[in-house]
């Protein structure tokens, strides 16, 4: 005895470092470092975040941006057990992402390209998590980080061009369907000439500005329950066309109401709260699609 290790004791001592290492890997220090780094990144991006908040406040069709950070935090919360149990081993692969994000921030800020600077924020957060926590933690957190992309408004010129094309497309579909229903109508670009009034498919009537919100809705819906990855991808991607479909149906109903009831049809809830109407209709369609995909999944697995 007298401090001389027996073979059994030597085996125990050889096993201890591994145990201590594993405990240290899930200890509070790496998470504290991550919190400090994330806080520093948010402070660096304060002007960029302030610009996005201003856009969310000024344009109602971008107001979904306020909800995205909370939904991202919710996605992290649902994965809290997986995150805390994942081994923490920092990866140098995170450094190139951090450097790339800082470069994008500088170029976007100095070149007056806010979209580039804004997109660099989730890239920076992804790089920080990968650098400090490693691939295992990043594998469980990347969805929540990537979800932040949905809060970033599209570049103005791109958004404006898509919106104008969408207005003409929506007006054309609406005029075609109304013609099938026997309603006399003449389309002139974004104008719909009825026998008793003329309607305009305005910028606010286009669902293009809300595409990011619709994709965010589909992504959040897909993450709420345990589903196969392919089902989640389909729900996310399908949210945008389902939103476009919901908006066109709203335009058709509004036009029918204007033709048969007159101007009073333009003062209803469906027309005034068009964004809410489209969102609720999209949720209903997502529920129907999810039920259909669940049946396909169960049949294929049985």
Protein backbone atom coordinates (compact mmCIF):
# COMPACT_ATOMS: atom_id res chain seq x y z
CA UNK A 1 0.00 0.00 0.00
CA UNK A 2 1.63 3.31 1.13
CA UNK A 3 0.64 5.10 -2.04
CA UNK A 4 1.74 2.31 -4.37
CA UNK A 5 -1.04 1.66 -6.87
CA UNK A 6 -2.32 -1.85 -7.16
CA UNK A 7 -3.27 -3.11 -10.63
CA UNK A 8 -6.96 -2.63 -9.87
CA UNK A 9 -6.33 0.88 -8.65
CA UNK A 10 -4.22 1.63 -11.69
CA UNK A 11 -7.12 0.58 -13.90
CA UNK A 12 -9.46 2.89 -11.97
CA UNK A 13 -7.08 5.81 -12.36
CA UNK A 14 -6.81 5.15 -16.09
CA UNK A 15 -10.61 5.22 -16.33
CA UNK A 16 -11.01 8.48 -14.37
CA UNK A 17 -9.54 10.88 -16.95
CA UNK A 18 -12.04 9.73 -19.53
CA UNK A 19 -14.90 10.28 -17.10
CA UNK A 20 -13.60 13.69 -16.09
CA UNK A 21 -13.20 14.64 -19.75
CA UNK A 22 -16.79 13.64 -20.52
CA UNK A 23 -18.11 15.63 -17.60
CA UNK A 24 -16.07 18.64 -18.60
CA UNK A 25 -17.43 18.32 -22.12
CA UNK A 26 -20.98 18.85 -20.90
CA UNK A 27 -20.08 21.25 -18.09
CA UNK A 28 -21.17 24.90 -17.91
CA UNK A 29 -17.94 26.49 -19.18
CA UNK A 30 -18.39 25.76 -22.92
CA UNK A 31 -21.98 26.98 -22.77
CA UNK A 32 -20.87 30.09 -20.90
CA UNK A 33 -18.28 30.77 -23.59
CA UNK A 34 -20.94 30.27 -26.24
CA UNK A 35 -23.25 32.72 -24.47
CA UNK A 36 -20.51 35.35 -24.25
CA UNK A 37 -19.58 34.89 -27.93
CA UNK A 38 -23.21 35.04 -29.07
CA UNK A 39 -23.79 38.20 -27.02
CA UNK A 40 -20.71 39.82 -28.53
CA UNK A 41 -21.93 38.88 -32.03
CA UNK A 42 -25.35 40.41 -31.37
CA UNK A 43 -23.68 43.58 -30.09
CA UNK A 44 -21.58 43.73 -33.27
CA UNK A 45 -24.70 43.28 -35.37
CA UNK A 46 -26.78 45.79 -33.37
CA UNK A 47 -27.04 48.31 -36.29
CA UNK A 48 -28.03 45.50 -38.68
CA UNK A 49 -30.68 44.19 -36.27
CA UNK A 50 -32.00 47.73 -35.70
CA UNK A 51 -32.41 48.15 -39.46
CA UNK A 52 -34.42 44.93 -39.71
CA UNK A 53 -36.62 45.91 -36.78
CA UNK A 54 -37.32 49.22 -38.52
CA UNK A 55 -38.40 47.36 -41.67
CA UNK A 56 -40.60 44.99 -39.67
CA UNK A 57 -42.31 47.94 -38.04
CA UNK A 58 -42.75 49.98 -41.23
CA UNK A 59 -44.03 47.25 -43.56
CA UNK A 60 -46.89 45.07 -42.23
CA UNK A 61 -46.11 42.24 -44.65
CA UNK A 62 -42.68 41.94 -42.99
CA UNK A 63 -43.96 42.02 -39.42
CA UNK A 64 -43.49 38.25 -39.12
CA UNK A 65 -39.83 39.07 -38.48
CA UNK A 66 -40.68 39.87 -34.86
CA UNK A 67 -41.84 36.30 -34.30
CA UNK A 68 -38.94 34.48 -35.95
CA UNK A 69 -36.36 34.88 -33.11
CA UNK A 70 -38.91 33.53 -30.62
CA UNK A 71 -39.75 30.57 -32.86
CA UNK A 72 -36.02 29.93 -33.29
CA UNK A 73 -35.60 29.95 -29.50
CA UNK A 74 -38.54 27.54 -29.25
CA UNK A 75 -36.85 25.14 -31.67
CA UNK A 76 -33.72 25.25 -29.51
CA UNK A 77 -35.83 24.62 -26.40
CA UNK A 78 -37.41 21.52 -27.93
CA UNK A 79 -33.90 20.18 -28.54
CA UNK A 80 -32.49 21.12 -25.13
CA UNK A 81 -32.00 17.51 -24.02
CA UNK A 82 -30.15 16.58 -27.21
CA UNK A 83 -28.04 19.73 -26.97
CA UNK A 84 -27.00 19.17 -23.35
CA UNK A 85 -26.22 15.50 -23.93
CA UNK A 86 -24.17 16.06 -27.08
CA UNK A 87 -20.38 15.92 -26.62
CA UNK A 88 -18.67 19.31 -26.81
CA UNK A 89 -15.62 19.28 -29.05
CA UNK A 90 -14.85 22.55 -30.76
CA UNK A 91 -14.15 22.46 -34.47
CA UNK A 92 -11.76 24.66 -36.43
CA UNK A 93 -14.19 24.45 -39.35
CA UNK A 94 -16.16 27.18 -37.64
CA UNK A 95 -13.39 29.75 -38.13
CA UNK A 96 -13.81 30.10 -41.93
CA UNK A 97 -17.52 30.69 -41.41
CA UNK A 98 -16.84 33.40 -38.84
CA UNK A 99 -14.32 35.07 -41.17
CA UNK A 100 -16.81 34.82 -44.05
CA UNK A 101 -19.57 36.36 -41.93
CA UNK A 102 -17.38 39.27 -40.85
CA UNK A 103 -16.37 39.86 -44.47
CA UNK A 104 -20.01 39.87 -45.56
CA UNK A 105 -20.85 42.28 -42.76
CA UNK A 106 -18.09 44.69 -43.79
CA UNK A 107 -18.94 44.49 -47.50
CA UNK A 108 -22.65 44.87 -46.88
CA UNK A 109 -22.22 47.79 -44.49
CA UNK A 110 -19.66 49.72 -46.53
CA UNK A 111 -21.30 48.92 -49.86
CA UNK A 112 -24.80 49.88 -48.70
CA UNK A 113 -26.05 46.34 -49.33
CA UNK A 114 -28.03 45.60 -46.16
CA UNK A 115 -29.21 42.22 -47.42
CA UNK A 116 -25.63 40.86 -47.50
CA UNK A 117 -24.93 42.22 -44.02
CA UNK A 118 -28.15 40.74 -42.67
CA UNK A 119 -27.59 37.29 -44.16
CA UNK A 120 -24.17 37.20 -42.51
CA UNK A 121 -25.78 37.15 -39.04
CA UNK A 122 -26.97 33.50 -39.11
CA UNK A 123 -23.70 32.57 -40.82
CA UNK A 124 -21.78 34.12 -37.92
CA UNK A 125 -23.91 32.36 -35.31
CA UNK A 126 -23.51 29.05 -37.12
CA UNK A 127 -19.73 29.52 -37.24
CA UNK A 128 -19.55 30.43 -33.54
CA UNK A 129 -21.52 27.35 -32.49
CA UNK A 130 -19.42 25.08 -34.71
CA UNK A 131 -16.13 26.60 -33.52
CA UNK A 132 -16.89 26.50 -29.79
CA UNK A 133 -19.21 23.49 -29.47
CA UNK A 134 -18.33 21.22 -32.37
CA UNK A 135 -20.28 19.20 -34.90
CA UNK A 136 -22.46 17.22 -32.49
CA UNK A 137 -24.06 20.30 -30.93
CA UNK A 138 -24.25 22.05 -34.29
CA UNK A 139 -26.11 19.10 -35.79
CA UNK A 140 -28.94 19.66 -33.29
CA UNK A 141 -28.86 23.48 -33.38
CA UNK A 142 -28.49 24.22 -37.09
CA UNK A 143 -32.24 24.16 -37.79
CA UNK A 144 -32.92 26.89 -35.24
CA UNK A 145 -30.02 28.98 -36.56
CA UNK A 146 -31.04 28.55 -40.19
CA UNK A 147 -34.59 29.49 -39.22
CA UNK A 148 -33.36 33.05 -38.61
CA UNK A 149 -33.00 33.48 -42.39
CA UNK A 150 -36.78 33.86 -42.60
CA UNK A 151 -36.66 37.13 -40.67
CA UNK A 152 -34.44 38.78 -43.31
CA UNK A 153 -36.38 40.86 -45.88
CA UNK A 154 -35.54 40.26 -49.52
CA UNK A 155 -33.60 42.98 -51.37
CA UNK A 156 -35.95 45.83 -52.29
CA UNK A 157 -35.42 45.69 -56.07
CA UNK A 158 -35.88 41.93 -56.15
CA UNK A 159 -38.95 42.12 -53.93
CA UNK A 160 -40.48 44.90 -56.03
CA UNK A 161 -39.94 43.04 -59.31
CA UNK A 162 -41.40 39.81 -57.94
CA UNK A 163 -44.34 41.67 -56.43
CA UNK A 164 -45.22 43.37 -59.73
CA UNK A 165 -45.11 40.08 -61.62
CA UNK A 166 -47.15 38.41 -58.91
CA UNK A 167 -49.83 41.10 -59.10
CA UNK A 168 -50.27 40.57 -62.84
CA UNK A 169 -50.28 36.78 -62.41
CA UNK A 170 -52.84 36.90 -59.58
CA UNK A 171 -55.04 39.27 -61.55
CA UNK A 172 -54.89 36.96 -64.58
CA UNK A 173 -55.85 33.86 -62.61
CA UNK A 174 -58.66 35.74 -60.86
CA UNK A 175 -60.05 37.06 -64.15
CA UNK A 176 -59.91 33.57 -65.72
CA UNK A 177 -61.76 31.91 -62.83
CA UNK A 178 -64.38 34.67 -62.72
CA UNK A 179 -64.95 34.20 -66.44
CA UNK A 180 -65.51 30.48 -65.85
CA UNK A 181 -68.07 31.41 -63.20
CA UNK A 182 -69.98 33.59 -65.65
CA UNK A 183 -68.91 36.96 -64.24
CA UNK A 184 -68.28 39.57 -66.96
CA UNK A 185 -64.78 40.94 -66.38
CA UNK A 186 -61.99 42.62 -68.29
CA UNK A 187 -58.38 42.47 -67.11
CA UNK A 188 -56.02 45.38 -67.77
CA UNK A 189 -52.72 44.50 -66.14
CA UNK A 190 -53.39 44.59 -62.39
CA UNK A 191 -56.84 46.16 -62.89
CA UNK A 192 -59.99 44.04 -62.92
CA UNK A 193 -62.90 45.85 -64.57
CA UNK A 194 -66.26 44.53 -63.42
CA UNK A 195 -69.58 45.82 -64.68
CA UNK A 196 -70.17 47.80 -61.48
CA UNK A 197 -66.64 48.74 -60.34
CA UNK A 198 -62.92 48.41 -60.99
CA UNK A 199 -60.65 46.51 -58.63
CA UNK A 200 -56.87 46.72 -58.38
CA UNK A 201 -54.56 43.95 -57.23
CA UNK A 202 -52.36 46.22 -55.12
CA UNK A 203 -48.95 45.50 -53.63
CA UNK A 204 -50.64 44.56 -50.37
CA UNK A 205 -52.73 41.98 -52.22
CA UNK A 206 -49.66 40.14 -53.46
CA UNK A 207 -48.42 37.23 -51.38
CA UNK A 208 -44.81 37.56 -52.59
CA UNK A 209 -43.72 39.84 -49.70
CA UNK A 210 -45.02 37.18 -47.31
CA UNK A 211 -43.15 34.27 -48.93
CA UNK A 212 -40.53 34.31 -46.16
CA UNK A 213 -43.29 34.26 -43.57
CA UNK A 214 -45.05 31.40 -45.34
CA UNK A 215 -41.83 29.36 -45.53
CA UNK A 216 -41.22 30.09 -41.86
CA UNK A 217 -44.73 28.92 -41.12
CA UNK A 218 -44.15 25.67 -42.98
CA UNK A 219 -40.79 25.09 -41.31
CA UNK A 220 -42.21 25.70 -37.84
CA UNK A 221 -45.21 23.49 -38.56
CA UNK A 222 -42.94 20.69 -39.71
CA UNK A 223 -40.82 20.87 -36.56
CA UNK A 224 -43.70 20.77 -34.07
CA UNK A 225 -43.96 16.98 -34.09
CA UNK A 226 -41.74 14.03 -34.83
CA UNK A 227 -41.83 13.52 -38.58
CA UNK A 228 -39.51 12.03 -41.19
CA UNK A 229 -37.10 14.52 -42.69
CA UNK A 230 -38.71 14.30 -46.12
CA UNK A 231 -42.12 15.19 -44.66
CA UNK A 232 -40.65 18.26 -42.96
CA UNK A 233 -39.00 19.35 -46.21
CA UNK A 234 -42.25 18.94 -48.15
CA UNK A 235 -44.23 20.92 -45.57
CA UNK A 236 -41.67 23.72 -45.61
CA UNK A 237 -41.46 23.97 -49.39
CA UNK A 238 -45.22 23.56 -49.90
CA UNK A 239 -46.10 26.45 -47.59
CA UNK A 240 -45.25 29.07 -50.24
CA UNK A 241 -47.41 27.67 -53.10
CA UNK A 242 -50.21 26.92 -50.63
CA UNK A 243 -50.02 30.54 -49.48
CA UNK A 244 -50.16 31.73 -53.09
CA UNK A 245 -53.20 29.50 -53.66
CA UNK A 246 -54.88 30.86 -50.53
CA UNK A 247 -54.29 34.42 -51.68
CA UNK A 248 -55.75 33.77 -55.13
CA UNK A 249 -58.84 32.19 -53.56
CA UNK A 250 -59.17 35.31 -51.38
CA UNK A 251 -58.95 37.55 -54.45
CA UNK A 252 -61.60 35.50 -56.25
CA UNK A 253 -63.98 35.62 -53.28
CA UNK A 254 -63.41 39.36 -52.88
CA UNK A 255 -64.11 39.96 -56.58
CA UNK A 256 -67.26 37.85 -56.46
CA UNK A 257 -68.43 39.78 -53.44
CA UNK A 258 -67.73 43.10 -55.15
CA UNK A 259 -69.70 42.01 -58.21
CA UNK A 260 -72.75 40.67 -56.40
CA UNK A 261 -72.80 42.86 -53.26
CA UNK A 262 -71.01 46.03 -54.31
CA UNK A 263 -68.48 48.13 -52.33
CA UNK A 264 -69.62 46.64 -49.02
CA UNK A 265 -67.68 43.50 -49.93
CA UNK A 266 -64.43 45.46 -49.71
CA UNK A 267 -65.05 46.33 -46.06
CA UNK A 268 -65.17 42.78 -44.76
CA UNK A 269 -62.61 41.02 -42.61
CA UNK A 270 -61.32 38.84 -45.44
CA UNK A 271 -60.30 41.87 -47.48
CA UNK A 272 -59.06 44.15 -44.71
CA UNK A 273 -57.04 41.52 -42.88
CA UNK A 274 -55.73 39.82 -45.98
CA UNK A 275 -52.47 38.70 -44.38
CA UNK A 276 -54.23 37.00 -41.48
CA UNK A 277 -56.73 35.39 -43.83
CA UNK A 278 -53.99 33.97 -46.04
CA UNK A 279 -52.08 32.67 -43.03
CA UNK A 280 -55.10 30.92 -41.53
CA UNK A 281 -56.00 29.38 -44.88
CA UNK A 282 -52.39 28.22 -45.34
CA UNK A 283 -52.40 26.59 -41.90
CA UNK A 284 -55.57 24.67 -42.80
CA UNK A 285 -54.04 23.51 -46.08
CA UNK A 286 -50.84 22.48 -44.27
CA UNK A 287 -52.88 20.39 -41.83
CA UNK A 288 -54.62 18.66 -44.74
CA UNK A 289 -51.30 18.08 -46.52
CA UNK A 290 -49.70 16.78 -43.32
CA UNK A 291 -52.53 14.28 -42.87
CA UNK A 292 -52.09 13.06 -46.45
CA UNK A 293 -48.32 12.74 -46.04
CA UNK A 294 -48.81 10.86 -42.76
CA UNK A 295 -50.94 8.28 -44.54
CA UNK A 296 -48.34 7.87 -47.27
CA UNK A 297 -45.60 7.52 -44.65
CA UNK A 298 -47.53 4.89 -42.67
CA UNK A 299 -48.35 2.90 -45.79
CA UNK A 300 -44.75 2.92 -46.97
CA UNK A 301 -43.43 1.88 -43.56
CA UNK A 302 -45.96 -0.91 -43.02
